Amino acid sequence: MADYTIFVYLYRDAGNFKSEGRLLLNGKFTVAADNEIRATCCDWDQFIAEQVDVPALYAELYKYSSGPTKDDIAYHEFCHLRVATSEDIFSYPLWGDLESLVAKFKSVRFWDCTLSPHSV
């Protein structure tokens, strides 16, 4: 289990409706990796999912509103990294590797809201 990490993130619209996502990553969890991702995020640990190729979670809320609403925003929130449990390994498909995801976050110089369908 120590060789897999879970990336936990969420989408929260302006009405405070939330959808949580988890990605199973190959690679050992480290506090340093969590800190590196968090350091690249903007205020409140926010990031543009499309910019780092993380699956956007907007559609999870569309089923309650029949599609996009005025409350939709461009940002997702990074929650944390954690060690994957055996249940995680059997529940989630392997999405990628931790080192590559950290590198994608670190390569961002500014978060580009125009990459999201909900840019203002």
PDB file of N, CA and C in Angstrom:
ATOM      1  N   MET A   1       0.813  -1.198   0.000  1.00  0.00           N
ATOM      2  CA  MET A   1       0.000   0.000   0.000  1.00  0.00           C
ATOM      3  C   MET A   1       0.857   1.262   0.000  1.00  0.00           C
ATOM      4  N   ALA A   2       2.042   1.175   0.575  1.00  0.00           N
ATOM      5  CA  ALA A   2       2.883   2.366   0.700  1.00  0.00           C
ATOM      6  C   ALA A   2       3.384   2.877  -0.646  1.00  0.00           C
ATOM      7  N   ASP A   3       3.240   2.084  -1.712  1.00  0.00           N
ATOM      8  CA  ASP A   3       3.712   2.512  -3.022  1.00  0.00           C
ATOM      9  C   ASP A   3       2.647   3.245  -3.828  1.00  0.00           C
ATOM     10  N   TYR A   4       1.498   3.469  -3.238  1.00  0.00           N
ATOM     11  CA  TYR A   4       0.416   4.184  -3.913  1.00  0.00           C
ATOM     12  C   TYR A   4      -0.058   5.348  -3.054  1.00  0.00           C
ATOM     13  N   THR A   5      -0.478   6.404  -3.729  1.00  0.00           N
ATOM     14  CA  THR A   5      -0.936   7.627  -3.064  1.00  0.00           C
ATOM     15  C   THR A   5      -2.297   8.002  -3.613  1.00  0.00           C
ATOM     16  N   ILE A   6      -3.122   8.591  -2.762  1.00  0.00           N
ATOM     17  CA  ILE A   6      -4.413   9.134  -3.190  1.00  0.00           C
ATOM     18  C   ILE A   6      -4.312  10.657  -3.197  1.00  0.00           C
ATOM     19  N   PHE A   7      -4.693  11.253  -4.331  1.00  0.00           N
ATOM     20  CA  PHE A   7      -4.810  12.706  -4.493  1.00  0.00           C
ATOM     21  C   PHE A   7      -6.280  13.029  -4.254  1.00  0.00           C
ATOM     22  N   VAL A   8      -6.563  13.796  -3.206  1.00  0.00           N
ATOM     23  CA  VAL A   8      -7.942  14.141  -2.855  1.00  0.00           C
ATOM     24  C   VAL A   8      -8.175  15.606  -3.201  1.00  0.00           C
ATOM     25  N   TYR A   9      -9.247  15.858  -3.951  1.00  0.00           N
ATOM     26  CA  TYR A   9      -9.568  17.224  -4.360  1.00  0.00           C
ATOM     27  C   TYR A   9     -11.075  17.371  -4.444  1.00  0.00           C
ATOM     28  N   LEU A  10     -11.545  18.606  -4.585  1.00  0.00           N
ATOM     29  CA  LEU A  10     -12.982  18.801  -4.705  1.00  0.00           C
ATOM     30  C   LEU A  10     -13.296  19.999  -5.572  1.00  0.00           C
ATOM     31  N   TYR A  11     -14.524  19.990  -6.032  1.00  0.00           N
ATOM     32  CA  TYR A  11     -15.071  21.137  -6.744  1.00  0.00           C
ATOM     33  C   TYR A  11     -16.172  21.684  -5.855  1.00  0.00           C
ATOM     34  N   ARG A  12     -16.123  22.995  -5.615  1.00  0.00           N
ATOM     35  CA  ARG A  12     -17.125  23.667  -4.783  1.00  0.00           C
ATOM     36  C   ARG A  12     -17.615  24.861  -5.586  1.00  0.00           C
ATOM     37  N   ASP A  13     -18.916  24.892  -5.873  1.00  0.00           N
ATOM     38  CA  ASP A  13     -19.426  26.040  -6.630  1.00  0.00           C
ATOM     39  C   ASP A  13     -19.723  27.199  -5.686  1.00  0.00           C
ATOM     40  N   ALA A  14     -20.158  28.318  -6.233  1.00  0.00           N
ATOM     41  CA  ALA A  14     -20.409  29.517  -5.424  1.00  0.00           C
ATOM     42  C   ALA A  14     -21.565  29.325  -4.451  1.00  0.00           C
ATOM     43  N   GLY A  15     -22.411  28.342  -4.692  1.00  0.00           N
ATOM     44  CA  GLY A  15     -23.502  28.026  -3.770  1.00  0.00           C
ATOM     45  C   GLY A  15     -23.073  27.053  -2.687  1.00  0.00           C
ATOM     46  N   ASN A  16     -21.786  26.696  -2.655  1.00  0.00           N
ATOM     47  CA  ASN A  16     -21.173  25.787  -1.695  1.00  0.00           C
ATOM     48  C   ASN A  16     -21.604  24.324  -1.879  1.00  0.00           C
ATOM     49  N   PHE A  17     -22.092  23.987  -3.075  1.00  0.00           N
ATOM     50  CA  PHE A  17     -22.348  22.587  -3.385  1.00  0.00           C
ATOM     51  C   PHE A  17     -21.016  21.971  -3.782  1.00  0.00           C
ATOM     52  N   LYS A  18     -20.760  20.733  -3.317  1.00  0.00           N
ATOM     53  CA  LYS A  18     -19.438  20.135  -3.479  1.00  0.00           C
ATOM     54  C   LYS A  18     -19.500  18.767  -4.142  1.00  0.00           C
ATOM     55  N   SER A  19     -18.415  18.453  -4.825  1.00  0.00           N
ATOM     56  CA  SER A  19     -18.195  17.121  -5.377  1.00  0.00           C
ATOM     57  C   SER A  19     -16.736  16.772  -5.123  1.00  0.00           C
ATOM     58  N   GLU A  20     -16.492  15.629  -4.491  1.00  0.00           N
ATOM     59  CA  GLU A  20     -15.123  15.236  -4.158  1.00  0.00           C
ATOM     60  C   GLU A  20     -14.590  14.238  -5.170  1.00  0.00           C
ATOM     61  N   GLY A  21     -13.310  14.364  -5.476  1.00  0.00           N
ATOM     62  CA  GLY A  21     -12.650  13.431  -6.379  1.00  0.00           C
ATOM     63  C   GLY A  21     -11.417  12.840  -5.735  1.00  0.00           C
ATOM     64  N   ARG A  22     -11.084  11.629  -6.164  1.00  0.00           N
ATOM     65  CA  ARG A  22      -9.877  10.954  -5.681  1.00  0.00           C
ATOM     66  C   ARG A  22      -9.194  10.291  -6.863  1.00  0.00           C
ATOM     67  N   LEU A  23      -7.893  10.432  -6.928  1.00  0.00           N
ATOM     68  CA  LEU A  23      -7.105   9.795  -7.976  1.00  0.00           C
ATOM     69  C   LEU A  23      -6.078   8.873  -7.334  1.00  0.00           C
ATOM     70  N   LEU A  24      -5.987   7.656  -7.832  1.00  0.00           N
ATOM     71  CA  LEU A  24      -4.984   6.706  -7.367  1.00  0.00           C
ATOM     72  C   LEU A  24      -3.715   6.918  -8.180  1.00  0.00           C
ATOM     73  N   LEU A  25      -2.635   7.179  -7.481  1.00  0.00           N
ATOM     74  CA  LEU A  25      -1.355   7.470  -8.126  1.00  0.00           C
ATOM     75  C   LEU A  25      -0.310   6.438  -7.735  1.00  0.00           C
ATOM     76  N   ASN A  26       0.496   6.043  -8.686  1.00  0.00           N
ATOM     77  CA  ASN A  26       1.641   5.199  -8.404  1.00  0.00           C
ATOM     78  C   ASN A  26       2.721   6.094  -7.793  1.00  0.00           C
ATOM     79  N   GLY A  27       3.275   5.687  -6.690  1.00  0.00           N
ATOM     80  CA  GLY A  27       4.310   6.475  -6.026  1.00  0.00           C
ATOM     81  C   GLY A  27       4.021   6.598  -4.546  1.00  0.00           C
ATOM     82  N   LYS A  28       5.079   6.627  -3.780  1.00  0.00           N
ATOM     83  CA  LYS A  28       4.974   6.662  -2.320  1.00  0.00           C
ATOM     84  C   LYS A  28       4.596   8.058  -1.834  1.00  0.00           C
ATOM     85  N   PHE A  29       3.594   8.122  -0.961  1.00  0.00           N
ATOM     86  CA  PHE A  29       3.178   9.385  -0.348  1.00  0.00           C
ATOM     87  C   PHE A  29       4.335   9.993   0.429  1.00  0.00           C
ATOM     88  N   THR A  30       4.493  11.308   0.260  1.00  0.00           N
ATOM     89  CA  THR A  30       5.426  12.059   1.102  1.00  0.00           C
ATOM     90  C   THR A  30       4.786  13.394   1.463  1.00  0.00           C
ATOM     91  N   VAL A  31       5.113  13.880   2.622  1.00  0.00           N
ATOM     92  CA  VAL A  31       4.649  15.204   3.034  1.00  0.00           C
ATOM     93  C   VAL A  31       5.222  16.247   2.081  1.00  0.00           C
ATOM     94  N   ALA A  32       6.435  16.026   1.613  1.00  0.00           N
ATOM     95  CA  ALA A  32       7.068  16.971   0.685  1.00  0.00           C
ATOM     96  C   ALA A  32       6.243  17.114  -0.594  1.00  0.00           C
ATOM     97  N   ALA A  33       5.731  16.012  -1.130  1.00  0.00           N
ATOM     98  CA  ALA A  33       4.907  16.079  -2.348  1.00  0.00           C
ATOM     99  C   ALA A  33       3.629  16.868  -2.081  1.00  0.00           C
ATOM    100  N   ASP A  34       2.999  16.630  -0.934  1.00  0.00           N
ATOM    101  CA  ASP A  34       1.803  17.385  -0.558  1.00  0.00           C
ATOM    102  C   ASP A  34       2.131  18.875  -0.484  1.00  0.00           C
ATOM    103  N   ASN A  35       3.231  19.199   0.159  1.00  0.00           N
ATOM    104  CA  ASN A  35       3.637  20.604   0.295  1.00  0.00           C
ATOM    105  C   ASN A  35       3.957  21.242  -1.049  1.00  0.00           C
ATOM    106  N   GLU A  36       4.584  20.479  -1.948  1.00  0.00           N
ATOM    107  CA  GLU A  36       4.928  21.018  -3.269  1.00  0.00           C
ATOM    108  C   GLU A  36       3.672  21.351  -4.071  1.00  0.00           C
ATOM    109  N   ILE A  37       2.687  20.468  -4.037  1.00  0.00           N
ATOM    110  CA  ILE A  37       1.428  20.751  -4.742  1.00  0.00           C
ATOM    111  C   ILE A  37       0.751  21.960  -4.115  1.00  0.00           C
ATOM    112  N   ARG A  38       0.639  21.956  -2.796  1.00  0.00           N
ATOM    113  CA  ARG A  38      -0.041  23.054  -2.094  1.00  0.00           C
ATOM    114  C   ARG A  38       0.628  24.402  -2.371  1.00  0.00           C
ATOM    115  N   ALA A  39       1.948  24.409  -2.465  1.00  0.00           N
ATOM    116  CA  ALA A  39       2.689  25.656  -2.696  1.00  0.00           C
ATOM    117  C   ALA A  39       2.403  26.254  -4.069  1.00  0.00           C
ATOM    118  N   THR A  40       2.007  25.427  -5.024  1.00  0.00           N
ATOM    119  CA  THR A  40       1.727  25.942  -6.371  1.00  0.00           C
ATOM    120  C   THR A  40       0.301  26.443  -6.523  1.00  0.00           C
ATOM    121  N   CYS A  41      -0.580  26.024  -5.626  1.00  0.00           N
ATOM    122  CA  CYS A  41      -1.983  26.431  -5.717  1.00  0.00           C
ATOM    123  C   CYS A  41      -2.131  27.900  -5.334  1.00  0.00           C
ATOM    124  N   CYS A  42      -3.205  28.514  -5.808  1.00  0.00           N
ATOM    125  CA  CYS A  42      -3.440  29.900  -5.415  1.00  0.00           C
ATOM    126  C   CYS A  42      -4.221  29.911  -4.097  1.00  0.00           C
ATOM    127  N   ASP A  43      -4.772  31.041  -3.737  1.00  0.00           N
ATOM    128  CA  ASP A  43      -5.478  31.180  -2.461  1.00  0.00           C
ATOM    129  C   ASP A  43      -6.434  30.022  -2.208  1.00  0.00           C
ATOM    130  N   TRP A  44      -6.513  29.592  -0.985  1.00  0.00           N
ATOM    131  CA  TRP A  44      -7.415  28.528  -0.546  1.00  0.00           C
ATOM    132  C   TRP A  44      -7.143  27.217  -1.276  1.00  0.00           C
ATOM    133  N   ASP A  45      -5.886  26.980  -1.646  1.00  0.00           N
ATOM    134  CA  ASP A  45      -5.458  25.728  -2.279  1.00  0.00           C
ATOM    135  C   ASP A  45      -6.201  25.425  -3.576  1.00  0.00           C
ATOM    136  N   GLN A  46      -6.507  26.468  -4.333  1.00  0.00           N
ATOM    137  CA  GLN A  46      -7.260  26.302  -5.573  1.00  0.00           C
ATOM    138  C   GLN A  46      -6.344  26.120  -6.780  1.00  0.00           C
ATOM    139  N   PHE A  47      -6.861  25.392  -7.772  1.00  0.00           N
ATOM    140  CA  PHE A  47      -6.132  25.155  -9.014  1.00  0.00           C
ATOM    141  C   PHE A  47      -7.133  24.957 -10.150  1.00  0.00           C
ATOM    142  N   ILE A  48      -6.642  25.070 -11.379  1.00  0.00           N
ATOM    143  CA  ILE A  48      -7.464  24.836 -12.563  1.00  0.00           C
ATOM    144  C   ILE A  48      -7.204  23.400 -13.014  1.00  0.00           C
ATOM    145  N   ALA A  49      -8.204  22.546 -12.869  1.00  0.00           N
ATOM    146  CA  ALA A  49      -8.040  21.114 -13.164  1.00  0.00           C
ATOM    147  C   ALA A  49      -7.542  20.875 -14.585  1.00  0.00           C
ATOM    148  N   GLU A  50      -8.090  21.607 -15.529  1.00  0.00           N
ATOM    149  CA  GLU A  50      -7.724  21.420 -16.936  1.00  0.00           C
ATOM    150  C   GLU A  50      -6.252  21.739 -17.197  1.00  0.00           C
ATOM    151  N   GLN A  51      -5.676  22.589 -16.392  1.00  0.00           N
ATOM    152  CA  GLN A  51      -4.294  23.026 -16.602  1.00  0.00           C
ATOM    153  C   GLN A  51      -3.274  21.961 -16.195  1.00  0.00           C
ATOM    154  N   VAL A  52      -3.675  21.075 -15.286  1.00  0.00           N
ATOM    155  CA  VAL A  52      -2.774  20.010 -14.835  1.00  0.00           C
ATOM    156  C   VAL A  52      -3.328  18.624 -15.198  1.00  0.00           C
ATOM    157  N   ASP A  53      -4.279  18.607 -16.129  1.00  0.00           N
ATOM    158  CA  ASP A  53      -4.866  17.360 -16.652  1.00  0.00           C
ATOM    159  C   ASP A  53      -5.539  16.498 -15.592  1.00  0.00           C
ATOM    160  N   VAL A  54      -6.047  17.121 -14.541  1.00  0.00           N
ATOM    161  CA  VAL A  54      -6.813  16.415 -13.517  1.00  0.00           C
ATOM    162  C   VAL A  54      -8.277  16.421 -13.962  1.00  0.00           C
ATOM    163  N   PRO A  55      -8.988  15.301 -13.851  1.00  0.00           N
ATOM    164  CA  PRO A  55     -10.386  15.279 -14.277  1.00  0.00           C
ATOM    165  C   PRO A  55     -11.228  16.321 -13.531  1.00  0.00           C
ATOM    166  N   ALA A  56     -11.918  17.155 -14.299  1.00  0.00           N
ATOM    167  CA  ALA A  56     -12.794  18.174 -13.706  1.00  0.00           C
ATOM    168  C   ALA A  56     -14.021  17.492 -13.100  1.00  0.00           C
ATOM    169  N   LEU A  57     -14.537  18.073 -12.037  1.00  0.00           N
ATOM    170  CA  LEU A  57     -15.655  17.473 -11.304  1.00  0.00           C
ATOM    171  C   LEU A  57     -16.972  18.226 -11.475  1.00  0.00           C
ATOM    172  N   TYR A  58     -17.025  19.195 -12.385  1.00  0.00           N
ATOM    173  CA  TYR A  58     -18.243  19.998 -12.556  1.00  0.00           C
ATOM    174  C   TYR A  58     -19.470  19.136 -12.809  1.00  0.00           C
ATOM    175  N   ALA A  59     -19.327  18.170 -13.707  1.00  0.00           N
ATOM    176  CA  ALA A  59     -20.476  17.372 -14.154  1.00  0.00           C
ATOM    177  C   ALA A  59     -21.153  16.620 -13.014  1.00  0.00           C
ATOM    178  N   GLU A  60     -20.410  16.361 -11.945  1.00  0.00           N
ATOM    179  CA  GLU A  60     -21.013  15.685 -10.792  1.00  0.00           C
ATOM    180  C   GLU A  60     -22.158  16.507 -10.204  1.00  0.00           C
ATOM    181  N   LEU A  61     -22.063  17.836 -10.317  1.00  0.00           N
ATOM    182  CA  LEU A  61     -23.132  18.698  -9.798  1.00  0.00           C
ATOM    183  C   LEU A  61     -24.204  18.973 -10.839  1.00  0.00           C
ATOM    184  N   TYR A  62     -23.893  18.789 -12.116  1.00  0.00           N
ATOM    185  CA  TYR A  62     -24.870  19.057 -13.176  1.00  0.00           C
ATOM    186  C   TYR A  62     -26.107  18.178 -13.030  1.00  0.00           C
ATOM    187  N   LYS A  63     -25.943  16.980 -12.494  1.00  0.00           N
ATOM    188  CA  LYS A  63     -27.100  16.085 -12.372  1.00  0.00           C
ATOM    189  C   LYS A  63     -28.154  16.635 -11.406  1.00  0.00           C
ATOM    190  N   TYR A  64     -27.754  17.557 -10.543  1.00  0.00           N
ATOM    191  CA  TYR A  64     -28.710  18.167  -9.606  1.00  0.00           C
ATOM    192  C   TYR A  64     -29.314  19.450 -10.154  1.00  0.00           C
ATOM    193  N   SER A  65     -28.673  20.021 -11.183  1.00  0.00           N
ATOM    194  CA  SER A  65     -29.126  21.316 -11.705  1.00  0.00           C
ATOM    195  C   SER A  65     -29.485  21.263 -13.185  1.00  0.00           C
ATOM    196  N   SER A  66     -29.449  20.084 -13.767  1.00  0.00           N
ATOM    197  CA  SER A  66     -29.717  19.901 -15.202  1.00  0.00           C
ATOM    198  C   SER A  66     -28.706  20.653 -16.065  1.00  0.00           C
ATOM    199  N   GLY A  67     -27.493  20.817 -15.581  1.00  0.00           N
ATOM    200  CA  GLY A  67     -26.444  21.467 -16.361  1.00  0.00           C
ATOM    201  C   GLY A  67     -25.779  22.594 -15.604  1.00  0.00           C
ATOM    202  N   PRO A  68     -24.915  23.345 -16.286  1.00  0.00           N
ATOM    203  CA  PRO A  68     -24.200  24.456 -15.645  1.00  0.00           C
ATOM    204  C   PRO A  68     -25.157  25.514 -15.094  1.00  0.00           C
ATOM    205  N   THR A  69     -24.703  26.189 -14.043  1.00  0.00           N
ATOM    206  CA  THR A  69     -25.491  27.269 -13.438  1.00  0.00           C
ATOM    207  C   THR A  69     -24.604  28.500 -13.263  1.00  0.00           C
ATOM    208  N   LYS A  70     -25.212  29.596 -12.848  1.00  0.00           N
ATOM    209  CA  LYS A  70     -24.470  30.840 -12.593  1.00  0.00           C
ATOM    210  C   LYS A  70     -23.504  30.687 -11.416  1.00  0.00           C
ATOM    211  N   ASP A  71     -23.676  29.655 -10.609  1.00  0.00           N
ATOM    212  CA  ASP A  71     -22.809  29.428  -9.451  1.00  0.00           C
ATOM    213  C   ASP A  71     -21.519  28.676  -9.785  1.00  0.00           C
ATOM    214  N   ASP A  72     -21.399  28.161 -10.996  1.00  0.00           N
ATOM    215  CA  ASP A  72     -20.197  27.410 -11.358  1.00  0.00           C
ATOM    216  C   ASP A  72     -18.991  28.336 -11.460  1.00  0.00           C
ATOM    217  N   ILE A  73     -17.857  27.845 -10.971  1.00  0.00           N
ATOM    218  CA  ILE A  73     -16.610  28.618 -11.004  1.00  0.00           C
ATOM    219  C   ILE A  73     -15.521  27.792 -11.688  1.00  0.00           C
ATOM    220  N   ALA A  74     -14.395  28.407 -11.972  1.00  0.00           N
ATOM    221  CA  ALA A  74     -13.316  27.747 -12.718  1.00  0.00           C
ATOM    222  C   ALA A  74     -12.433  26.848 -11.848  1.00  0.00           C
ATOM    223  N   TYR A  75     -12.349  27.124 -10.565  1.00  0.00           N
ATOM    224  CA  TYR A  75     -11.355  26.471  -9.710  1.00  0.00           C
ATOM    225  C   TYR A  75     -11.838  25.186  -9.046  1.00  0.00           C
ATOM    226  N   HIS A  76     -10.896  24.282  -8.830  1.00  0.00           N
ATOM    227  CA  HIS A  76     -11.056  23.119  -7.965  1.00  0.00           C
ATOM    228  C   HIS A  76     -10.169  23.369  -6.738  1.00  0.00           C
ATOM    229  N   GLU A  77     -10.365  22.592  -5.690  1.00  0.00           N
ATOM    230  CA  GLU A  77      -9.568  22.739  -4.465  1.00  0.00           C
ATOM    231  C   GLU A  77      -8.752  21.476  -4.204  1.00  0.00           C
ATOM    232  N   PHE A  78      -7.477  21.679  -3.936  1.00  0.00           N
ATOM    233  CA  PHE A  78      -6.625  20.569  -3.506  1.00  0.00           C
ATOM    234  C   PHE A  78      -6.874  20.358  -2.024  1.00  0.00           C
ATOM    235  N   CYS A  79      -7.235  19.131  -1.635  1.00  0.00           N
ATOM    236  CA  CYS A  79      -7.446  18.826  -0.213  1.00  0.00           C
ATOM    237  C   CYS A  79      -6.156  18.291   0.409  1.00  0.00           C
ATOM    238  N   HIS A  80      -5.684  17.152  -0.097  1.00  0.00           N
ATOM    239  CA  HIS A  80      -4.454  16.569   0.436  1.00  0.00           C
ATOM    240  C   HIS A  80      -4.064  15.323  -0.348  1.00  0.00           C
ATOM    241  N   LEU A  81      -2.860  14.878  -0.079  1.00  0.00           N
ATOM    242  CA  LEU A  81      -2.397  13.567  -0.512  1.00  0.00           C
ATOM    243  C   LEU A  81      -2.420  12.666   0.710  1.00  0.00           C
ATOM    244  N   ARG A  82      -2.591  11.379   0.488  1.00  0.00           N
ATOM    245  CA  ARG A  82      -2.515  10.421   1.592  1.00  0.00           C
ATOM    246  C   ARG A  82      -2.102   9.059   1.046  1.00  0.00           C
ATOM    247  N   VAL A  83      -1.668   8.210   1.935  1.00  0.00           N
ATOM    248  CA  VAL A  83      -1.317   6.843   1.567  1.00  0.00           C
ATOM    249  C   VAL A  83      -2.584   6.123   1.124  1.00  0.00           C
ATOM    250  N   ALA A  84      -2.515   5.398   0.020  1.00  0.00           N
ATOM    251  CA  ALA A  84      -3.658   4.621  -0.464  1.00  0.00           C
ATOM    252  C   ALA A  84      -3.837   3.373   0.400  1.00  0.00           C
ATOM    253  N   THR A  85      -5.080   3.075   0.720  1.00  0.00           N
ATOM    254  CA  THR A  85      -5.401   1.853   1.457  1.00  0.00           C
ATOM    255  C   THR A  85      -5.617   0.715   0.458  1.00  0.00           C
ATOM    256  N   SER A  86      -5.706  -0.510   0.957  1.00  0.00           N
ATOM    257  CA  SER A  86      -5.989  -1.638   0.060  1.00  0.00           C
ATOM    258  C   SER A  86      -7.355  -1.455  -0.590  1.00  0.00           C
ATOM    259  N   GLU A  87      -8.307  -0.890   0.131  1.00  0.00           N
ATOM    260  CA  GLU A  87      -9.631  -0.613  -0.442  1.00  0.00           C
ATOM    261  C   GLU A  87      -9.521   0.383  -1.598  1.00  0.00           C
ATOM    262  N   ASP A  88      -8.722   1.429  -1.425  1.00  0.00           N
ATOM    263  CA  ASP A  88      -8.504   2.406  -2.505  1.00  0.00           C
ATOM    264  C   ASP A  88      -7.955   1.726  -3.754  1.00  0.00           C
ATOM    265  N   ILE A  89      -6.985   0.848  -3.564  1.00  0.00           N
ATOM    266  CA  ILE A  89      -6.317   0.199  -4.691  1.00  0.00           C
ATOM    267  C   ILE A  89      -7.294  -0.657  -5.489  1.00  0.00           C
ATOM    268  N   PHE A  90      -8.266  -1.251  -4.807  1.00  0.00           N
ATOM    269  CA  PHE A  90      -9.267  -2.061  -5.500  1.00  0.00           C
ATOM    270  C   PHE A  90     -10.441  -1.237  -5.999  1.00  0.00           C
ATOM    271  N   SER A  91     -10.635  -0.029  -5.454  1.00  0.00           N
ATOM    272  CA  SER A  91     -11.793   0.802  -5.811  1.00  0.00           C
ATOM    273  C   SER A  91     -11.536   1.777  -6.947  1.00  0.00           C
ATOM    274  N   TYR A  92     -10.315   2.251  -7.084  1.00  0.00           N
ATOM    275  CA  TYR A  92     -10.001   3.292  -8.069  1.00  0.00           C
ATOM    276  C   TYR A  92      -9.035   2.767  -9.125  1.00  0.00           C
ATOM    277  N   PRO A  93      -9.249   3.160 -10.376  1.00  0.00           N
ATOM    278  CA  PRO A  93      -8.272   2.781 -11.403  1.00  0.00           C
ATOM    279  C   PRO A  93      -6.989   3.594 -11.203  1.00  0.00           C
ATOM    280  N   LEU A  94      -5.883   3.022 -11.602  1.00  0.00           N
ATOM    281  CA  LEU A  94      -4.620   3.751 -11.526  1.00  0.00           C
ATOM    282  C   LEU A  94      -4.682   4.897 -12.520  1.00  0.00           C
ATOM    283  N   TRP A  95      -4.535   6.120 -12.034  1.00  0.00           N
ATOM    284  CA  TRP A  95      -4.691   7.308 -12.872  1.00  0.00           C
ATOM    285  C   TRP A  95      -3.370   7.787 -13.469  1.00  0.00           C
ATOM    286  N   GLY A  96      -2.301   7.662 -12.730  1.00  0.00           N
ATOM    287  CA  GLY A  96      -1.001   8.168 -13.171  1.00  0.00           C
ATOM    288  C   GLY A  96       0.007   7.986 -12.059  1.00  0.00           C
ATOM    289  N   ASP A  97       1.077   8.767 -12.109  1.00  0.00           N
ATOM    290  CA  ASP A  97       2.058   8.646 -11.031  1.00  0.00           C
ATOM    291  C   ASP A  97       2.247   9.981 -10.314  1.00  0.00           C
ATOM    292  N   LEU A  98       2.584   9.867  -9.053  1.00  0.00           N
ATOM    293  CA  LEU A  98       2.713  11.026  -8.176  1.00  0.00           C
ATOM    294  C   LEU A  98       3.771  11.995  -8.677  1.00  0.00           C
ATOM    295  N   GLU A  99       4.903  11.490  -9.077  1.00  0.00           N
ATOM    296  CA  GLU A  99       5.996  12.359  -9.519  1.00  0.00           C
ATOM    297  C   GLU A  99       5.571  13.227 -10.710  1.00  0.00           C
ATOM    298  N   SER A 100       4.865  12.642 -11.658  1.00  0.00           N
ATOM    299  CA  SER A 100       4.402  13.402 -12.834  1.00  0.00           C
ATOM    300  C   SER A 100       3.372  14.453 -12.452  1.00  0.00           C
ATOM    301  N   LEU A 101       2.465  14.101 -11.541  1.00  0.00           N
ATOM    302  CA  LEU A 101       1.450  15.071 -11.121  1.00  0.00           C
ATOM    303  C   LEU A 101       2.097  16.249 -10.399  1.00  0.00           C
ATOM    304  N   VAL A 102       3.030  15.969  -9.511  1.00  0.00           N
ATOM    305  CA  VAL A 102       3.743  17.051  -8.817  1.00  0.00           C
ATOM    306  C   VAL A 102       4.458  17.931  -9.842  1.00  0.00           C
ATOM    307  N   ALA A 103       5.079  17.325 -10.834  1.00  0.00           N
ATOM    308  CA  ALA A 103       5.789  18.090 -11.874  1.00  0.00           C
ATOM    309  C   ALA A 103       4.826  18.982 -12.655  1.00  0.00           C
ATOM    310  N   LYS A 104       3.623  18.483 -12.951  1.00  0.00           N
ATOM    311  CA  LYS A 104       2.634  19.306 -13.663  1.00  0.00           C
ATOM    312  C   LYS A 104       2.254  20.522 -12.832  1.00  0.00           C
ATOM    313  N   PHE A 105       2.003  20.320 -11.544  1.00  0.00           N
ATOM    314  CA  PHE A 105       1.663  21.445 -10.675  1.00  0.00           C
ATOM    315  C   PHE A 105       2.823  22.437 -10.608  1.00  0.00           C
ATOM    316  N   LYS A 106       4.039  21.927 -10.463  1.00  0.00           N
ATOM    317  CA  LYS A 106       5.202  22.810 -10.332  1.00  0.00           C
ATOM    318  C   LYS A 106       5.511  23.575 -11.614  1.00  0.00           C
ATOM    319  N   SER A 107       5.049  23.074 -12.747  1.00  0.00           N
ATOM    320  CA  SER A 107       5.316  23.759 -14.018  1.00  0.00           C
ATOM    321  C   SER A 107       4.402  24.961 -14.246  1.00  0.00           C
ATOM    322  N   VAL A 108       3.357  25.096 -13.443  1.00  0.00           N
ATOM    323  CA  VAL A 108       2.399  26.195 -13.615  1.00  0.00           C
ATOM    324  C   VAL A 108       3.004  27.495 -13.091  1.00  0.00           C
ATOM    325  N   ARG A 109       2.972  28.517 -13.923  1.00  0.00           N
ATOM    326  CA  ARG A 109       3.468  29.839 -13.519  1.00  0.00           C
ATOM    327  C   ARG A 109       2.318  30.728 -13.060  1.00  0.00           C
ATOM    328  N   PHE A 110       1.158  30.565 -13.680  1.00  0.00           N
ATOM    329  CA  PHE A 110      -0.058  31.248 -13.240  1.00  0.00           C
ATOM    330  C   PHE A 110      -1.232  30.360 -13.616  1.00  0.00           C
ATOM    331  N   TRP A 111      -2.301  30.432 -12.835  1.00  0.00           N
ATOM    332  CA  TRP A 111      -3.485  29.615 -13.095  1.00  0.00           C
ATOM    333  C   TRP A 111      -4.367  30.333 -14.103  1.00  0.00           C
ATOM    334  N   ASP A 112      -4.646  29.668 -15.205  1.00  0.00           N
ATOM    335  CA  ASP A 112      -5.362  30.245 -16.342  1.00  0.00           C
ATOM    336  C   ASP A 112      -6.830  29.815 -16.335  1.00  0.00           C
ATOM    337  N   CYS A 113      -7.683  30.674 -15.800  1.00  0.00           N
ATOM    338  CA  CYS A 113      -9.118  30.382 -15.690  1.00  0.00           C
ATOM    339  C   CYS A 113      -9.785  30.161 -17.042  1.00  0.00           C
ATOM    340  N   THR A 114      -9.205  30.704 -18.105  1.00  0.00           N
ATOM    341  CA  THR A 114      -9.841  30.566 -19.422  1.00  0.00           C
ATOM    342  C   THR A 114      -9.817  29.121 -19.925  1.00  0.00           C
ATOM    343  N   LEU A 115      -9.055  28.252 -19.292  1.00  0.00           N
ATOM    344  CA  LEU A 115      -9.041  26.840 -19.674  1.00  0.00           C
ATOM    345  C   LEU A 115     -10.279  26.104 -19.177  1.00  0.00           C
ATOM    346  N   SER A 116     -10.977  26.688 -18.231  1.00  0.00           N
ATOM    347  CA  SER A 116     -12.192  26.097 -17.678  1.00  0.00           C
ATOM    348  C   SER A 116     -13.411  26.581 -18.454  1.00  0.00           C
ATOM    349  N   PRO A 117     -14.411  25.733 -18.621  1.00  0.00           N
ATOM    350  CA  PRO A 117     -15.642  26.196 -19.268  1.00  0.00           C
ATOM    351  C   PRO A 117     -16.399  27.208 -18.405  1.00  0.00           C
ATOM    352  N   HIS A 118     -15.965  27.375 -17.164  1.00  0.00           N
ATOM    353  CA  HIS A 118     -16.649  28.288 -16.243  1.00  0.00           C
ATOM    354  C   HIS A 118     -15.841  29.543 -15.942  1.00  0.00           C
ATOM    355  N   SER A 119     -14.947  29.928 -16.849  1.00  0.00           N
ATOM    356  CA  SER A 119     -14.191  31.169 -16.629  1.00  0.00           C
ATOM    357  C   SER A 119     -15.139  32.350 -16.776  1.00  0.00           C
ATOM    358  N   VAL A 120     -14.861  33.395 -16.046  1.00  0.00           N
ATOM    359  CA  VAL A 120     -15.760  34.556 -16.040  1.00  0.00           C
ATOM    360  C   VAL A 120     -15.293  35.600 -17.019  1.00  0.00           C
TER     361      VAL A 120
END
